[in-house]
Amino acid sequence: MLVTEDKVRQVEDELNRLKEQVRQTAMIQREKDRLESEYQRSQKRFRTVFEESVIGKKIIDDQLRIVKVNRAVLAMLGYSENELTGKLITDFAQADFIPRWKELQEELWTNERPSFSFDTCLIKKDGTSFWCHITTIIIEDNGDRLGYTILEDISERKELERLRELVREQEHRQEIAEAILNTQEEERKRIAESLHNGLGQMLYGAKLSLSSLSSARDGNEREQAIRYSEKLLDNCIHECRRISHDLTPAILEEYGLIEAVRDICQQMSGPVKFDCLIKGSHARTDRFMEVISYRIIQELMVNVIKHAGATHAVTKIEMARNGIHISVHDNGKGFDPSTVKAKGIGLQSIRSKVILLSGDLDISSAENAGTTVTIYIPKRVK
């Protein structure tokens, strides 16, 4: 009897355990059904957002093969879904941008970056192209790592950038034209002053001296007038050579910029002692570059003599691979660059030349602390 009761209890316990397992299994199944239903709703929402979005969207695999595209992408490229699906996205990219797609592939699938963005040009079915901003993120789908890609047509933005660049180029050309005109005008003024104040006056003096020969009272006065006329004519010849040297220094033509800078430092040393420091290659460069660099150095040194009140200055020139570095430093009285107009201290012509050459000019100065003017001239004008 006792054995039978024990068996009954065992059967009842086993039955209860089975009921509990059935109940838990039912709960698990209901939760699985709920999750499946939620997943299906999520997938439906994703498909709806993906398909109906006005922004171009596509999914690519790790070989850059197109898995799926939305309607906006079809409208952008002009292809049907069948024509795009299974093709490589690089088949529709301009050749110059294919390396960027390869970089996206490596960064997302090899280096496992979460996202990657860049601007590219895609080719439509009709052969035309358009600018597009690409953003791709990695998503997991049934164990596969796919690239969810957003395509934004930025052709209008790129066109606006192009127009702005054209405006900047036009402004730059205008600046260059003004710099050329200003530089030419400064050169004309300088030559005119040299001819009028120097050579012209001496020639006029020689004319008066020669005119006095007819009124000379004796041979002694005639001899003095002739000697004075010869002296004035000698001075005229010297002044003519000086002006010619200023226009095109013979040493610059024959030996190049380095020797010409050494020569001008020696010539201008007087109340202001100029030291000359040369760095880099001594090889000849473009003649135009040499001439205009020489003019800049010459004007900087004249500014030191005229305005700085200095006793010592150092002219440095470095011939670098990509350009010429120039600096002139003096121990003069200095000035505040923010309160003194460049034109007032003779720097306008220099600034015009630097603009003409797409170079950089920097002025470092303070009262009673001297002045340093630093200039960089690239070998290629932008």
Protein backbone atom coordinates (compact mmCIF):
# COMPACT_ATOMS: atom_id res chain seq x y z
CA MET A 1 0.00 0.00 0.00
CA LEU A 2 2.79 2.42 0.94
CA VAL A 3 4.64 1.58 -2.25
CA THR A 4 1.59 2.48 -4.29
CA GLU A 5 1.20 5.85 -2.54
CA ASP A 6 4.88 6.66 -3.20
CA LYS A 7 4.45 5.86 -6.84
CA VAL A 8 1.38 8.07 -7.05
CA ARG A 9 3.28 10.99 -5.50
CA GLN A 10 6.18 10.46 -7.93
CA VAL A 11 3.79 10.46 -10.85
CA GLU A 12 2.11 13.60 -9.54
CA ASP A 13 5.48 15.36 -9.09
CA GLU A 14 6.57 14.35 -12.56
CA LEU A 15 3.27 15.60 -13.92
CA ASN A 16 3.70 18.94 -12.16
CA ARG A 17 7.21 19.29 -13.55
CA LEU A 18 5.91 18.57 -17.03
CA LYS A 19 3.18 21.16 -16.58
CA GLU A 20 5.79 23.74 -15.46
CA GLN A 21 7.98 22.92 -18.44
CA VAL A 22 4.97 23.26 -20.75
CA ARG A 23 4.11 26.60 -19.12
CA GLN A 24 7.70 27.90 -19.44
CA THR A 25 7.92 26.63 -23.02
CA ALA A 26 4.70 28.45 -23.81
CA MET A 27 6.08 31.64 -22.25
CA ILE A 28 9.28 31.31 -24.25
CA GLN A 29 7.30 30.71 -27.43
CA ARG A 30 5.09 33.74 -26.77
CA GLU A 31 8.24 35.86 -26.18
CA LYS A 32 9.78 34.48 -29.40
CA ASP A 33 6.56 35.26 -31.26
CA ARG A 34 6.57 38.78 -29.79
CA LEU A 35 10.21 39.34 -30.74
CA GLU A 36 9.60 37.92 -34.20
CA SER A 37 6.58 40.17 -34.62
CA GLU A 38 8.60 43.16 -33.39
CA TYR A 39 11.45 42.21 -35.73
CA GLN A 40 9.06 41.98 -38.66
CA ARG A 41 7.54 45.36 -37.79
CA SER A 42 11.06 46.78 -37.45
CA GLN A 43 12.05 45.30 -40.79
CA LYS A 44 8.91 46.73 -42.35
CA ARG A 45 9.64 50.16 -40.88
CA PHE A 46 13.23 49.92 -42.11
CA ARG A 47 12.09 48.93 -45.60
CA THR A 48 9.56 51.76 -45.62
CA VAL A 49 12.11 54.34 -44.50
CA PHE A 50 14.69 52.90 -46.89
CA GLU A 51 12.38 52.75 -49.90
CA GLU A 52 10.42 55.97 -49.42
CA SER A 53 13.26 58.24 -48.34
CA VAL A 54 13.95 61.18 -50.64
CA ILE A 55 17.62 60.76 -49.78
CA GLY A 56 19.51 58.21 -51.82
CA LYS A 57 20.26 55.02 -49.89
CA LYS A 58 21.89 51.76 -50.86
CA ILE A 59 23.39 48.70 -49.23
CA ILE A 60 26.73 47.32 -50.38
CA ASP A 61 28.72 44.26 -49.34
CA ASP A 62 32.40 43.98 -48.48
CA GLN A 63 33.29 43.77 -52.19
CA LEU A 64 31.51 47.10 -52.88
CA ARG A 65 28.78 45.13 -54.66
CA ILE A 66 25.34 46.77 -54.64
CA VAL A 67 22.88 44.64 -52.65
CA LYS A 68 19.90 46.96 -52.59
CA VAL A 69 19.02 50.52 -53.63
CA ASN A 70 16.06 52.79 -52.96
CA ARG A 71 14.01 54.82 -55.42
CA ALA A 72 15.99 58.00 -54.82
CA VAL A 73 19.20 56.31 -56.00
CA LEU A 74 17.39 55.01 -59.09
CA ALA A 75 16.27 58.57 -59.83
CA MET A 76 19.78 59.92 -59.25
CA LEU A 77 21.52 57.47 -61.58
CA GLY A 78 18.74 56.80 -64.09
CA TYR A 79 19.08 53.00 -63.90
CA SER A 80 16.52 50.36 -62.95
CA GLU A 81 16.94 48.29 -59.80
CA ASN A 82 17.83 45.20 -61.82
CA GLU A 83 20.52 47.17 -63.70
CA LEU A 84 22.19 48.22 -60.43
CA THR A 85 21.75 45.20 -58.17
CA GLY A 86 24.82 42.98 -58.14
CA LYS A 87 27.04 45.55 -59.85
CA LEU A 88 30.08 47.14 -58.22
CA ILE A 89 29.56 50.72 -57.13
CA THR A 90 32.94 51.51 -58.67
CA ASP A 91 31.39 50.71 -62.07
CA PHE A 92 29.46 53.98 -61.71
CA ALA A 93 32.27 56.09 -60.23
CA GLN A 94 34.59 58.42 -62.10
CA ALA A 95 38.04 56.87 -62.38
CA ASP A 96 39.71 59.55 -60.25
CA PHE A 97 37.52 58.60 -57.28
CA ILE A 98 37.86 54.79 -57.39
CA PRO A 99 40.82 54.89 -54.93
CA ARG A 100 38.53 56.64 -52.42
CA TRP A 101 36.00 53.80 -52.70
CA LYS A 102 38.84 51.32 -52.15
CA GLU A 103 39.84 53.33 -49.09
CA LEU A 104 36.24 53.14 -47.80
CA GLN A 105 36.27 49.37 -48.32
CA GLU A 106 39.53 48.95 -46.40
CA GLU A 107 38.60 51.27 -43.55
CA LEU A 108 35.17 49.73 -42.92
CA TRP A 109 35.78 46.03 -43.53
CA THR A 110 39.49 45.64 -42.74
CA ASN A 111 40.22 48.33 -40.16
CA GLU A 112 36.65 48.06 -38.82
CA ARG A 113 35.92 51.76 -38.63
CA PRO A 114 32.24 52.40 -37.79
CA SER A 115 31.70 54.88 -40.64
CA PHE A 116 33.39 56.60 -43.57
CA SER A 117 32.48 59.76 -45.57
CA PHE A 118 33.81 61.48 -48.67
CA ASP A 119 32.75 63.48 -51.74
CA THR A 120 32.75 61.76 -55.11
CA CYS A 121 31.42 61.96 -58.66
CA LEU A 122 29.00 59.29 -59.90
CA ILE A 123 28.14 58.69 -63.55
CA LYS A 124 24.51 58.53 -64.65
CA LYS A 125 23.12 56.20 -67.28
CA ASP A 126 23.04 59.06 -69.78
CA GLY A 127 26.80 59.58 -69.32
CA THR A 128 26.59 62.77 -67.31
CA SER A 129 28.02 62.95 -63.81
CA PHE A 130 27.06 64.62 -60.56
CA TRP A 131 28.68 65.36 -57.22
CA CYS A 132 27.61 63.20 -54.33
CA HIS A 133 28.47 63.09 -50.62
CA ILE A 134 28.80 59.49 -49.43
CA THR A 135 28.37 58.32 -45.84
CA THR A 136 28.58 54.58 -45.12
CA ILE A 137 28.08 52.79 -41.81
CA ILE A 138 28.45 49.09 -41.05
CA ILE A 139 25.32 47.11 -40.14
CA GLU A 140 24.92 43.44 -39.21
CA ASP A 141 22.44 41.37 -41.20
CA ASN A 142 22.16 37.63 -40.60
CA GLY A 143 25.82 37.43 -39.70
CA ASP A 144 26.96 39.53 -42.67
CA ARG A 145 28.57 42.95 -42.30
CA LEU A 146 27.02 45.24 -44.88
CA GLY A 147 27.55 48.89 -45.70
CA TYR A 148 24.48 51.07 -45.26
CA THR A 149 25.21 54.02 -47.54
CA ILE A 150 23.56 57.43 -47.76
CA LEU A 151 24.00 59.41 -50.98
CA GLU A 152 23.41 63.15 -50.94
CA ASP A 153 23.42 65.09 -54.23
CA ILE A 154 25.71 68.07 -53.58
CA SER A 155 26.03 69.29 -57.17
CA GLU A 156 24.53 72.68 -56.32
CA ARG A 157 26.90 73.12 -53.39
CA LYS A 158 29.89 72.16 -55.52
CA GLU A 159 28.77 74.56 -58.25
CA LEU A 160 28.50 77.33 -55.67
CA GLU A 161 31.99 76.48 -54.42
CA ARG A 162 33.25 76.57 -58.02
CA LEU A 163 31.70 80.00 -58.58
CA ARG A 164 33.20 81.28 -55.34
CA GLU A 165 36.59 79.96 -56.42
CA LEU A 166 36.20 81.74 -59.75
CA VAL A 167 35.43 84.95 -57.87
CA ARG A 168 38.49 84.45 -55.67
CA GLU A 169 40.63 83.81 -58.75
CA GLN A 170 39.23 86.92 -60.40
CA GLU A 171 39.98 88.96 -57.29
CA HIS A 172 43.47 87.49 -57.21
CA ARG A 173 44.02 88.37 -60.87
CA GLN A 174 42.78 91.86 -60.11
CA GLU A 175 45.25 92.15 -57.25
CA ILE A 176 48.04 90.94 -59.53
CA ALA A 177 47.04 93.43 -62.22
CA GLU A 178 47.02 96.25 -59.66
CA ALA A 179 50.36 95.06 -58.28
CA ILE A 180 51.86 95.07 -61.79
CA LEU A 181 50.55 98.56 -62.48
CA ASN A 182 51.70 99.87 -59.10
CA THR A 183 55.13 98.31 -59.53
CA GLN A 184 55.49 99.68 -63.04
CA GLU A 185 54.39 103.13 -61.88
CA GLU A 186 56.87 103.07 -59.01
CA GLU A 187 59.64 102.07 -61.41
CA ARG A 188 58.68 104.87 -63.79
CA LYS A 189 58.67 107.42 -60.98
CA ARG A 190 62.05 106.25 -59.73
CA ILE A 191 63.60 106.40 -63.21
CA ALA A 192 61.98 109.78 -63.90
CA GLU A 193 63.37 111.20 -60.64
CA SER A 194 66.84 109.87 -61.47
CA LEU A 195 66.72 111.36 -64.97
CA HIS A 196 65.27 114.71 -63.88
CA ASN A 197 67.11 115.33 -60.62
CA GLY A 198 70.42 113.77 -61.62
CA LEU A 199 71.21 113.32 -65.27
CA GLY A 200 68.93 116.11 -66.51
CA GLN A 201 70.39 118.77 -64.23
CA MET A 202 73.97 117.79 -65.02
CA LEU A 203 73.27 117.90 -68.77
CA TYR A 204 71.67 121.31 -68.36
CA GLY A 205 74.76 122.47 -66.44
CA ALA A 206 77.02 121.14 -69.19
CA LYS A 207 74.94 123.03 -71.77
CA LEU A 208 75.30 126.30 -69.83
CA SER A 209 79.03 125.73 -69.43
CA LEU A 210 79.48 125.11 -73.14
CA SER A 211 77.35 128.16 -73.94
CA SER A 212 79.68 130.30 -71.87
CA LEU A 213 82.57 129.50 -74.23
CA SER A 214 81.36 132.10 -76.71
CA SER A 215 81.48 134.82 -74.11
CA ALA A 216 84.83 133.83 -72.56
CA ARG A 217 87.11 136.87 -72.29
CA ASP A 218 90.34 134.99 -72.68
CA GLY A 219 91.88 131.58 -73.13
CA ASN A 220 91.99 130.92 -69.37
CA GLU A 221 88.20 131.32 -68.96
CA ARG A 222 87.66 129.20 -72.07
CA GLU A 223 89.89 126.44 -70.65
CA GLN A 224 88.06 126.50 -67.30
CA ALA A 225 84.70 126.27 -69.07
CA ILE A 226 85.89 123.33 -71.16
CA ARG A 227 87.24 121.47 -68.09
CA TYR A 228 84.05 122.11 -66.15
CA SER A 229 81.97 120.89 -69.09
CA GLU A 230 84.11 117.76 -69.35
CA LYS A 231 83.65 117.14 -65.63
CA LEU A 232 79.87 117.49 -65.94
CA LEU A 233 79.84 115.17 -68.93
CA ASP A 234 81.91 112.62 -66.99
CA ASN A 235 79.33 112.86 -64.19
CA CYS A 236 76.58 112.39 -66.76
CA ILE A 237 78.24 109.23 -68.04
CA HIS A 238 78.61 107.95 -64.46
CA GLU A 239 74.96 108.77 -63.69
CA CYS A 240 73.83 107.10 -66.90
CA ARG A 241 75.75 103.95 -65.93
CA ARG A 242 74.25 104.09 -62.45
CA ILE A 243 70.71 104.33 -63.84
CA SER A 244 71.48 101.52 -66.26
CA HIS A 245 72.84 99.44 -63.38
CA ASP A 246 69.68 100.12 -61.40
CA LEU A 247 67.54 99.01 -64.33
CA THR A 248 69.48 95.81 -65.02
CA PRO A 249 72.59 95.27 -62.85
CA ALA A 250 75.34 93.72 -64.95
CA ILE A 251 76.47 91.52 -62.06
CA LEU A 252 72.94 90.14 -61.76
CA GLU A 253 72.82 89.34 -65.47
CA GLU A 254 76.24 87.72 -65.47
CA TYR A 255 76.61 86.02 -62.07
CA GLY A 256 73.09 85.73 -60.65
CA LEU A 257 71.18 86.80 -57.58
CA ILE A 258 73.63 85.65 -54.88
CA GLU A 259 76.58 87.66 -56.20
CA ALA A 260 74.31 90.63 -56.94
CA VAL A 261 73.09 90.65 -53.31
CA ARG A 262 76.67 90.49 -52.03
CA ASP A 263 77.55 93.39 -54.34
CA ILE A 264 74.64 95.57 -53.22
CA CYS A 265 75.46 94.95 -49.54
CA GLN A 266 78.98 96.16 -50.21
CA GLN A 267 77.80 99.15 -52.24
CA MET A 268 75.25 100.34 -49.70
CA SER A 269 77.41 99.91 -46.62
CA GLY A 270 78.25 103.34 -45.24
CA PRO A 271 76.48 105.02 -42.34
CA VAL A 272 74.60 101.73 -42.13
CA LYS A 273 76.83 98.65 -42.25
CA PHE A 274 75.16 95.80 -44.13
CA ASP A 275 76.17 92.20 -43.53
CA CYS A 276 75.15 89.61 -46.09
CA LEU A 277 74.24 86.01 -45.15
CA ILE A 278 73.61 83.43 -47.87
CA LYS A 279 72.10 79.97 -47.34
CA GLY A 280 71.10 77.15 -49.62
CA SER A 281 71.94 76.46 -53.24
CA HIS A 282 73.88 79.01 -55.29
CA ALA A 283 72.43 77.69 -58.54
CA ARG A 284 70.83 80.18 -60.90
CA THR A 285 67.06 80.40 -60.90
CA ASP A 286 64.50 81.96 -63.23
CA ARG A 287 65.70 85.39 -64.48
CA PHE A 288 62.40 87.10 -63.65
CA MET A 289 62.56 85.69 -60.12
CA GLU A 290 66.14 86.89 -59.73
CA VAL A 291 65.40 90.41 -60.97
CA ILE A 292 62.30 90.97 -58.86
CA SER A 293 63.96 89.41 -55.77
CA TYR A 294 66.92 91.74 -56.30
CA ARG A 295 64.56 94.74 -56.52
CA ILE A 296 62.81 93.74 -53.32
CA ILE A 297 66.12 93.40 -51.44
CA GLN A 298 67.34 96.69 -52.89
CA GLU A 299 64.19 98.54 -51.77
CA LEU A 300 64.31 96.98 -48.30
CA MET A 301 67.88 98.14 -47.84
CA VAL A 302 67.06 101.65 -49.14
CA ASN A 303 64.21 101.76 -46.58
CA VAL A 304 66.68 100.93 -43.82
CA ILE A 305 68.98 103.76 -44.90
CA LYS A 306 66.14 106.29 -45.30
CA HIS A 307 63.83 105.47 -42.43
CA ALA A 308 65.33 103.15 -39.81
CA GLY A 309 67.98 105.36 -38.20
CA ALA A 310 70.09 102.22 -37.94
CA THR A 311 73.84 101.66 -37.78
CA HIS A 312 73.81 97.96 -38.63
CA ALA A 313 71.63 95.66 -40.72
CA VAL A 314 71.73 92.03 -41.83
CA THR A 315 70.45 90.93 -45.23
CA LYS A 316 69.70 87.21 -45.43
CA ILE A 317 68.75 85.22 -48.48
CA GLU A 318 68.06 81.48 -48.58
CA MET A 319 67.63 79.66 -51.86
CA ALA A 320 65.28 76.81 -50.93
CA ARG A 321 63.98 74.06 -53.18
CA ASN A 322 60.49 75.56 -53.45
CA GLY A 323 61.26 79.26 -53.24
CA ILE A 324 63.39 82.13 -51.97
CA HIS A 325 63.43 83.33 -48.36
CA ILE A 326 64.48 86.95 -47.83
CA SER A 327 64.89 88.89 -44.61
CA VAL A 328 66.38 92.26 -43.72
CA HIS A 329 66.90 93.06 -40.05
CA ASP A 330 68.13 96.39 -38.68
CA ASN A 331 68.95 97.78 -35.22
CA GLY A 332 67.13 101.04 -35.87
CA LYS A 333 64.43 102.94 -34.05
CA GLY A 334 61.63 100.60 -35.12
CA PHE A 335 57.93 101.42 -35.30
CA ASP A 336 54.48 100.05 -34.55
CA PRO A 337 53.33 98.31 -37.77
CA SER A 338 49.67 98.63 -36.73
CA THR A 339 49.81 102.44 -36.57
CA VAL A 340 52.09 103.24 -39.50
CA LYS A 341 50.84 102.95 -43.08
CA ALA A 342 53.01 100.76 -45.28
CA LYS A 343 52.97 103.41 -48.00
CA GLY A 344 54.43 105.95 -45.59
CA ILE A 345 57.54 103.86 -44.94
CA GLY A 346 58.17 102.85 -48.53
CA LEU A 347 56.83 99.30 -48.34
CA GLN A 348 53.93 99.61 -50.78
CA SER A 349 56.05 98.83 -53.83
CA ILE A 350 57.54 95.81 -52.06
CA ARG A 351 54.11 94.58 -51.02
CA SER A 352 52.90 94.91 -54.63
CA LYS A 353 55.79 92.81 -55.89
CA VAL A 354 55.17 90.14 -53.26
CA ILE A 355 51.47 89.98 -54.21
CA LEU A 356 52.48 89.70 -57.85
CA LEU A 357 54.59 86.63 -57.00
CA SER A 358 51.97 85.01 -54.70
CA GLY A 359 54.44 85.40 -51.84
CA ASP A 360 54.21 86.18 -48.14
CA LEU A 361 55.40 89.31 -46.34
CA ASP A 362 55.76 89.73 -42.59
CA ILE A 363 56.91 92.82 -40.68
CA SER A 364 58.13 92.46 -37.10
CA SER A 365 58.99 95.73 -35.36
CA ALA A 366 58.65 97.68 -32.14
CA GLU A 367 59.78 101.11 -31.07
CA ASN A 368 63.48 101.19 -30.18
CA ALA A 369 63.77 97.47 -31.01
CA GLY A 370 64.64 97.49 -34.69
CA THR A 371 62.71 96.01 -37.61
CA THR A 372 62.72 92.67 -39.39
CA VAL A 373 61.01 92.27 -42.76
CA THR A 374 60.64 88.63 -43.84
CA ILE A 375 59.53 87.63 -47.32
CA TYR A 376 58.94 84.26 -48.98
CA ILE A 377 58.69 84.08 -52.78
CA PRO A 378 57.58 80.70 -54.21
CA LYS A 379 59.24 79.49 -57.38
CA ARG A 380 55.85 78.91 -58.95
CA VAL A 381 53.29 81.72 -58.99
CA LYS A 382 49.83 80.52 -57.96
